[in-house]
Each structure stands twice: as structure tokens, then as C-alpha cells.
Amino acid sequence: MGTNKVIHPINEEIRANLLSLRSDGLKKGKWSGFAELYEHYTVKEGGTTYFIAPPAVGKTAITYELTMNLAEYEGCKVAIFTPETGSPVDVYNELLWAKLREPFLKHNGGSKTEKEVNDAIDWVAEHFFVIDPMHLDLTANSYFKAIIDLEEERGIKIDIAVIDPMTELDIYGEGARDLALGNFLTRVRRFSSMYKIHTMIAFHTKAIQLVEGTDVNGQKVRFYPPPQMSDIAGGEMASRKGLFILGLWRPPLNVIDVDTGLPYKANETRIEILKAKPKALGKVGKVSLHYDVYSSRYYQLGDGDKPIWSSPKPYHMEDK
């Protein structure tokens, strides 16, 4: 008699997992470098993260920061598709800049020794794999197949798959935009779950209405507000199918934050967690990171606005 693979009655394996869950509780996902962010956002195998961002906010830099930390502190291997950055050499240059915490290119200020540079190249080669879009138009199927083939050819396990941005992937072979997007995101969710890969997808926003604020001189200023799920094409589909949805926003310089009465900080990028599911992995809220141009890395602000750079998970948080 055949086994029904769709319906799952409680068997011994499920019973054991339930009892283990009852005893140990739900656990947070992987550590991405910052304590405040960890309270709101963690990365779980088989899950998804959708980034919503207007142009020039730094979504790619944020993606590099998070994946670099996940590779360094959790040992993750990352497949990354980011055509807007350029060729594979261009992408690896950016990743090495982040890894070295200084420009990779000498004429941009790089000062590491040749040994340090080659050690960094070896480390990036172990943890990052760039999917080259230049020789063919990638579809959802060929993107997933490229990752599966990579795992089989290299004998490795990919932990994080990045699509930055979604518009660079050909998903519209199945009809109308919303239908195609829904089908694609369903495939992403199934692929992520089946292969235990966390998939990160960046979405550009559509046109957003300007809002008005006041700068430090009392002058009225118009600027774009933080993005919401409704600000992307097909936002309803994304909001239904996404697990973690993060809005990225760069506050306008010298404009007063109505929540604090103080000007927004320079180089601030605000991460707003718009959706967090399962709830054990994080929660809705806002976290600010600040970008350092020289190192191409982000930091949080501590007491006295002292930079707090990414670091391994503190010992006292290991049981969370």
C-alpha cells in the first residue's frame, strides 16, 4: 500500500518532535551580528526574508552586512544573485571590501597586507558563491536549479540564497504580473522549505507619496516616508507569502524625528520589521544601523553614540 505524502497523521517521528518542542520550546534563528536586531529578526533555515526598499537606501549593503555576519558567526554558505552590482568580479570586490573592513582596491585606500588579502579571498571563496546572470536570462526554475547543481557539484550545503532585486529574475512566463508573482513566491517558499535554505529577496518600491517634515532650521522639507508592504508592486502577494518582511529606509538628513524631537542621525538606515513569522523568531519593530563608508559596514550606536560593530553572539544569549 502506498504512503500518502500529503497527509501527515501523528507517527512516532512527529510524536518525538512534538515532545521535544514541548520540552525545549521554540528557538530563535541564526545570529546576524547585532543584539538589538536579534530581538526582532533572526534567520531560520527553510524561511524567507523580503526586503522592501526604494533606490539608494543601501539594501545591497545591508544584505552584505547580514550575510557576512551569518557567514562569519554561524558558518553559513551564501549563494548571491545581484546583477545590479555588476559582474561576479564586481560582487566579490564588494564582499571583500566588507570582509576586510576597508576598500579592497589599493587606490581606494586599501592597506591590508597581501597575506591578509589572500586569507580574505580564501574565506570569501569558502562562504560566498555568485550566480552570474550575464550569459542567460535566469528564471525561477533555472535559479533554483543553479543552487541545487552548486550543492551537488561542490558537495556543500547552501544556507542562504539571495535575489537582489527580484525584478532581475524572469518570473513572468506564467501570465499576469500578480499571478506570476504569487506563483513565484509560492515556489520560493516551497524551495526554501524543501532544501532548508533561507531565501532573501529584495523588492524595489513603486512610486511613493512624499510627506512633509521640519528640518533643524524650522524649514519645511518634503521626503519619502518609510516603505510599507503596499509600496511594492504585488505587495498583497508578498505580504501573504512572506515570513519576515523588512522595510529599509534612510531618514532625511537634518530633519526632525517627530518621535524623539531630535534630528535623524547621519548615515542612519532604519530597518522596520513589518512582519515576523513564526513569532518565536522575532517581532515587529524598528532597529537603526549606521553605515561607515570606509569599511562598507554597519554599526549600532551605543552610549555616547559610540559605534558598536557586529560581533559573535554573547555567551548569555546562547540559550535563546
Protein backbone atom coordinates (compact mmCIF):
# COMPACT_ATOMS: atom_id res chain seq x y z
CA MET A 1 0.00 0.00 0.00
CA GLY A 2 1.40 3.39 -1.00
CA THR A 3 2.33 6.08 1.50
CA ASN A 4 0.33 9.30 1.45
CA LYS A 5 2.91 12.09 1.36
CA VAL A 6 0.38 14.89 1.63
CA ILE A 7 -1.46 13.99 4.83
CA HIS A 8 0.71 13.56 7.94
CA PRO A 9 -1.02 11.74 10.80
CA ILE A 10 0.88 11.67 14.06
CA ASN A 11 3.53 8.96 13.81
CA GLU A 12 6.48 8.17 16.05
CA GLU A 13 8.70 10.82 14.41
CA ILE A 14 6.10 13.57 14.75
CA ARG A 15 5.33 12.47 18.32
CA ALA A 16 9.02 12.70 19.24
CA ASN A 17 9.29 16.14 17.64
CA LEU A 18 6.20 17.36 19.50
CA LEU A 19 7.51 16.16 22.84
CA SER A 20 10.89 17.74 22.13
CA LEU A 21 9.14 21.00 21.23
CA ARG A 22 7.09 20.83 24.43
CA SER A 23 10.24 20.35 26.49
CA ASP A 24 12.63 22.75 24.75
CA GLY A 25 10.27 25.36 23.38
CA LEU A 26 10.63 27.34 20.15
CA LYS A 27 14.11 28.64 19.46
CA LYS A 28 15.22 31.79 17.74
CA GLY A 29 17.05 31.52 14.44
CA LYS A 30 20.61 32.38 13.47
CA TRP A 31 22.50 35.37 14.83
CA SER A 32 23.13 38.16 12.29
CA GLY A 33 25.57 40.22 14.33
CA PHE A 34 23.62 42.74 16.43
CA ALA A 35 21.89 42.26 19.79
CA GLU A 36 19.08 44.75 19.16
CA LEU A 37 18.36 43.27 15.75
CA TYR A 38 18.32 39.76 17.27
CA GLU A 39 15.33 40.73 19.40
CA HIS A 40 13.35 41.48 16.24
CA TYR A 41 14.85 39.38 13.45
CA THR A 42 16.59 36.02 13.21
CA VAL A 43 17.28 33.76 10.25
CA LYS A 44 15.87 30.24 10.22
CA GLU A 45 16.63 27.54 7.70
CA GLY A 46 13.75 26.99 5.32
CA GLY A 47 12.41 30.52 5.84
CA THR A 48 12.29 33.71 3.79
CA THR A 49 13.16 37.38 4.22
CA TYR A 50 11.75 40.05 1.91
CA PHE A 51 13.44 43.45 1.88
CA ILE A 52 11.35 46.43 0.71
CA ALA A 53 13.41 49.48 -0.24
CA PRO A 54 13.36 52.49 -2.55
CA PRO A 55 16.51 53.15 -4.63
CA ALA A 56 19.69 54.44 -2.96
CA VAL A 57 18.77 53.26 0.53
CA GLY A 58 21.56 50.68 0.76
CA LYS A 59 19.58 47.44 0.50
CA THR A 60 22.52 45.65 -1.13
CA ALA A 61 24.92 46.91 1.55
CA ILE A 62 22.50 45.75 4.27
CA THR A 63 22.29 42.36 2.57
CA TYR A 64 26.08 42.13 2.51
CA GLU A 65 26.23 43.08 6.21
CA LEU A 66 23.72 40.44 7.27
CA THR A 67 25.08 37.64 5.08
CA MET A 68 28.68 38.49 6.02
CA ASN A 69 27.75 38.19 9.70
CA LEU A 70 25.80 34.99 9.15
CA ALA A 71 28.82 33.52 7.36
CA GLU A 72 31.29 34.69 10.00
CA TYR A 73 29.33 33.89 13.17
CA GLU A 74 27.13 30.99 12.04
CA GLY A 75 29.29 29.42 9.30
CA CYS A 76 26.63 29.95 6.61
CA LYS A 77 27.32 29.49 2.93
CA VAL A 78 25.61 32.05 0.68
CA ALA A 79 24.55 31.95 -2.99
CA ILE A 80 24.04 35.51 -4.17
CA PHE A 81 22.35 36.84 -7.31
CA THR A 82 22.81 40.62 -7.55
CA PRO A 83 23.05 41.80 -11.17
CA GLU A 84 22.79 45.49 -10.25
CA THR A 85 26.21 45.21 -8.59
CA GLY A 86 27.79 44.05 -11.85
CA SER A 87 29.91 41.07 -12.86
CA PRO A 88 30.98 38.31 -10.44
CA VAL A 89 34.32 40.12 -10.01
CA ASP A 90 32.44 43.30 -9.05
CA VAL A 91 30.36 41.41 -6.49
CA TYR A 92 33.39 39.69 -4.97
CA ASN A 93 35.14 43.06 -4.78
CA GLU A 94 32.23 44.41 -2.70
CA LEU A 95 32.19 41.32 -0.49
CA LEU A 96 35.94 41.56 0.09
CA TRP A 97 35.59 45.25 0.94
CA ALA A 98 33.09 44.26 3.64
CA LYS A 99 35.19 41.34 4.85
CA LEU A 100 38.42 43.39 5.08
CA ARG A 101 36.52 46.38 6.53
CA GLU A 102 38.45 48.63 4.18
CA PRO A 103 38.50 49.12 0.38
CA PHE A 104 39.76 46.06 -1.45
CA LEU A 105 41.32 48.26 -4.13
CA LYS A 106 44.63 49.89 -3.23
CA HIS A 107 43.86 53.18 -4.97
CA ASN A 108 40.68 53.48 -2.86
CA GLY A 109 42.69 53.25 0.35
CA GLY A 110 43.22 49.52 0.83
CA SER A 111 46.17 48.93 3.13
CA LYS A 112 45.98 45.27 4.19
CA THR A 113 48.97 43.02 3.61
CA GLU A 114 48.95 40.58 0.71
CA LYS A 115 48.59 37.71 3.21
CA GLU A 116 45.55 39.36 4.80
CA VAL A 117 44.04 39.91 1.36
CA ASN A 118 44.64 36.33 0.23
CA ASP A 119 43.27 34.97 3.52
CA ALA A 120 40.15 37.09 2.96
CA ILE A 121 39.80 35.78 -0.60
CA ASP A 122 40.07 32.21 0.70
CA TRP A 123 37.40 32.91 3.32
CA VAL A 124 35.00 34.53 0.84
CA ALA A 125 35.60 31.65 -1.60
CA GLU A 126 34.51 29.22 1.12
CA HIS A 127 31.34 31.09 2.09
CA PHE A 128 30.04 33.02 -0.95
CA PHE A 129 29.04 31.88 -4.43
CA VAL A 130 27.98 34.44 -7.03
CA ILE A 131 25.34 33.47 -9.57
CA ASP A 132 26.30 35.12 -12.86
CA PRO A 133 23.27 36.48 -14.75
CA MET A 134 25.18 37.82 -17.74
CA HIS A 135 25.14 34.79 -20.04
CA LEU A 136 21.42 33.90 -19.77
CA ASP A 137 18.08 35.17 -18.53
CA LEU A 138 17.51 33.41 -15.25
CA THR A 139 14.03 32.14 -14.48
CA ALA A 140 12.75 30.87 -11.16
CA ASN A 141 13.41 27.29 -12.26
CA SER A 142 16.95 27.92 -13.54
CA TYR A 143 17.80 29.94 -10.41
CA PHE A 144 16.76 27.11 -8.11
CA LYS A 145 18.49 24.55 -10.33
CA ALA A 146 21.72 26.58 -10.25
CA ILE A 147 21.76 26.35 -6.44
CA ILE A 148 20.95 22.64 -6.37
CA ASP A 149 23.64 21.96 -9.00
CA LEU A 150 26.14 24.00 -6.96
CA GLU A 151 25.43 21.92 -3.86
CA GLU A 152 25.83 18.65 -5.77
CA GLU A 153 28.96 19.67 -7.71
CA ARG A 154 30.75 21.09 -4.67
CA GLY A 155 29.41 18.67 -2.09
CA ILE A 156 28.29 21.60 0.09
CA LYS A 157 25.12 22.87 1.75
CA ILE A 158 23.92 26.36 0.81
CA ASP A 159 22.28 28.07 3.79
CA ILE A 160 21.30 31.47 2.35
CA ALA A 161 20.10 32.30 -1.18
CA VAL A 162 19.91 35.99 -2.18
CA ILE A 163 17.90 37.53 -5.03
CA ASP A 164 18.72 41.24 -5.27
CA PRO A 165 16.47 42.58 -6.69
CA MET A 166 13.55 40.39 -7.70
CA THR A 167 12.95 42.41 -10.88
CA GLU A 168 16.19 41.00 -12.35
CA LEU A 169 14.72 37.49 -12.35
CA ASP A 170 12.39 36.47 -15.17
CA ILE A 171 9.24 35.29 -13.39
CA TYR A 172 6.62 36.46 -15.85
CA GLY A 173 6.27 33.41 -18.07
CA GLU A 174 3.03 32.31 -16.47
CA GLY A 175 0.65 35.17 -17.26
CA ALA A 176 -0.39 38.35 -15.49
CA ARG A 177 2.03 40.03 -13.11
CA ASP A 178 0.21 39.35 -9.83
CA LEU A 179 -0.47 35.73 -10.76
CA ALA A 180 3.14 35.20 -11.84
CA LEU A 181 4.45 36.85 -8.67
CA GLY A 182 2.20 34.72 -6.48
CA ASN A 183 3.31 31.54 -8.23
CA PHE A 184 6.95 32.56 -7.96
CA LEU A 185 6.75 33.34 -4.24
CA THR A 186 4.99 30.04 -3.62
CA ARG A 187 7.89 28.31 -5.39
CA VAL A 188 10.38 30.25 -3.28
CA ARG A 189 8.65 29.17 -0.09
CA ARG A 190 8.50 25.53 -1.16
CA PHE A 191 12.08 25.52 -2.43
CA SER A 192 13.33 27.12 0.80
CA SER A 193 11.46 24.64 2.97
CA MET A 194 12.38 21.56 0.91
CA TYR A 195 16.10 22.35 0.72
CA LYS A 196 16.34 24.03 4.14
CA ILE A 197 17.65 27.25 2.60
CA HIS A 198 16.76 30.72 3.85
CA THR A 199 15.91 32.86 0.80
CA MET A 200 16.35 36.65 0.88
CA ILE A 201 14.60 38.71 -1.81
CA ALA A 202 14.90 42.47 -2.35
CA PHE A 203 11.89 44.31 -3.76
CA HIS A 204 12.00 47.81 -5.21
CA THR A 205 9.17 50.12 -4.25
CA LYS A 206 6.78 51.67 -6.72
CA ALA A 207 6.07 55.43 -6.61
CA ILE A 208 5.61 56.68 -3.02
CA GLN A 209 3.84 59.87 -2.00
CA LEU A 210 6.06 62.48 -0.38
CA VAL A 211 5.41 63.57 3.21
CA GLU A 212 6.34 66.82 4.92
CA GLY A 213 8.64 67.37 7.88
CA THR A 214 10.65 70.12 9.53
CA ASP A 215 14.43 70.50 9.47
CA VAL A 216 16.72 71.84 12.20
CA ASN A 217 16.26 75.38 10.85
CA GLY A 218 12.49 75.20 11.06
CA GLN A 219 12.07 74.90 7.31
CA LYS A 220 9.54 72.56 5.76
CA VAL A 221 11.05 69.60 3.92
CA ARG A 222 9.36 67.00 1.72
CA PHE A 223 10.76 63.48 1.69
CA TYR A 224 9.84 59.87 1.12
CA PRO A 225 8.45 58.07 4.21
CA PRO A 226 9.47 54.56 5.30
CA PRO A 227 8.21 51.94 2.82
CA GLN A 228 5.29 49.66 3.63
CA MET A 229 4.19 46.39 2.06
CA SER A 230 1.65 48.25 -0.07
CA ASP A 231 4.51 50.23 -1.65
CA ILE A 232 5.75 47.36 -3.81
CA ALA A 233 4.12 46.03 -6.96
CA GLY A 234 2.23 42.94 -5.90
CA GLY A 235 2.53 43.93 -2.26
CA GLU A 236 -0.55 41.96 -1.29
CA MET A 237 1.01 38.78 -2.64
CA ALA A 238 4.29 39.49 -0.85
CA SER A 239 2.56 40.26 2.44
CA ARG A 240 0.63 36.99 2.31
CA LYS A 241 3.50 34.73 1.35
CA GLY A 242 6.45 36.35 3.13
CA LEU A 243 7.60 35.21 6.56
CA PHE A 244 9.92 38.06 7.52
CA ILE A 245 9.29 41.36 5.72
CA LEU A 246 11.74 44.19 6.39
CA GLY A 247 11.31 47.76 5.20
CA LEU A 248 14.55 49.70 4.70
CA TRP A 249 14.57 53.49 4.98
CA ARG A 250 17.27 56.17 5.01
CA PRO A 251 15.97 59.14 7.04
CA PRO A 252 16.45 62.61 5.52
CA LEU A 253 19.47 64.49 6.83
CA ASN A 254 18.80 67.29 9.37
CA VAL A 255 15.06 66.59 9.53
CA ILE A 256 13.49 66.32 12.97
CA ASP A 257 12.31 62.89 14.07
CA VAL A 258 8.83 63.51 15.48
CA ASP A 259 9.20 60.51 17.81
CA THR A 260 12.30 61.89 19.57
CA GLY A 261 12.26 65.62 18.78
CA LEU A 262 15.88 65.27 17.61
CA PRO A 263 17.39 65.31 14.10
CA TYR A 264 17.86 62.00 12.39
CA LYS A 265 21.41 60.70 12.68
CA ALA A 266 23.74 60.94 9.70
CA ASN A 267 24.26 57.69 7.76
CA GLU A 268 21.31 56.05 9.50
CA THR A 269 19.43 53.20 7.86
CA ARG A 270 16.26 52.21 9.63
CA ILE A 271 15.13 48.59 9.46
CA GLU A 272 11.43 48.22 10.16
CA ILE A 273 10.27 44.68 10.74
CA LEU A 274 6.81 44.75 9.16
CA LYS A 275 6.06 41.06 9.54
CA ALA A 276 7.69 38.38 11.67
CA LYS A 277 6.60 34.77 11.31
CA PRO A 278 6.88 32.40 13.10
CA LYS A 279 6.58 34.74 16.06
CA ALA A 280 9.24 32.87 18.05
CA LEU A 281 11.87 34.07 15.56
CA GLY A 282 11.32 37.80 16.01
CA LYS A 283 8.80 40.58 16.39
CA VAL A 284 7.55 43.71 14.68
CA GLY A 285 9.58 46.83 15.47
CA LYS A 286 12.31 49.21 14.34
CA VAL A 287 16.10 48.96 14.53
CA SER A 288 18.61 51.55 13.33
CA LEU A 289 22.01 50.73 11.83
CA HIS A 290 24.58 53.30 10.69
CA TYR A 291 26.74 52.98 7.60
CA ASP A 292 30.50 53.55 7.60
CA VAL A 293 31.73 54.36 4.10
CA TYR A 294 35.37 53.38 4.58
CA SER A 295 34.68 49.89 5.91
CA SER A 296 31.45 49.42 3.93
CA ARG A 297 29.95 48.03 7.13
CA TYR A 298 27.18 48.96 9.55
CA TYR A 299 27.20 49.58 13.27
CA GLN A 300 24.73 50.35 16.04
CA LEU A 301 25.00 53.34 18.34
CA GLY A 302 25.91 52.71 21.97
CA ASP A 303 26.22 55.06 24.92
CA GLY A 304 27.56 58.44 23.85
CA ASP A 305 26.92 57.46 20.24
CA LYS A 306 29.85 55.04 20.40
CA PRO A 307 29.84 52.64 17.42
CA ILE A 308 29.01 49.02 18.25
CA TRP A 309 30.14 46.81 15.38
CA SER A 310 28.83 43.35 14.67
CA SER A 311 30.18 40.63 16.95
CA PRO A 312 29.58 36.97 17.86
CA LYS A 313 26.51 36.14 19.89
CA PRO A 314 27.19 36.91 23.57
CA TYR A 315 27.50 33.90 25.84
CA HIS A 316 24.48 34.87 27.93
CA MET A 317 22.28 34.73 24.81
CA GLU A 318 23.39 31.26 23.71
CA ASP A 319 20.35 29.56 25.24
CA LYS A 320 17.86 31.80 23.46
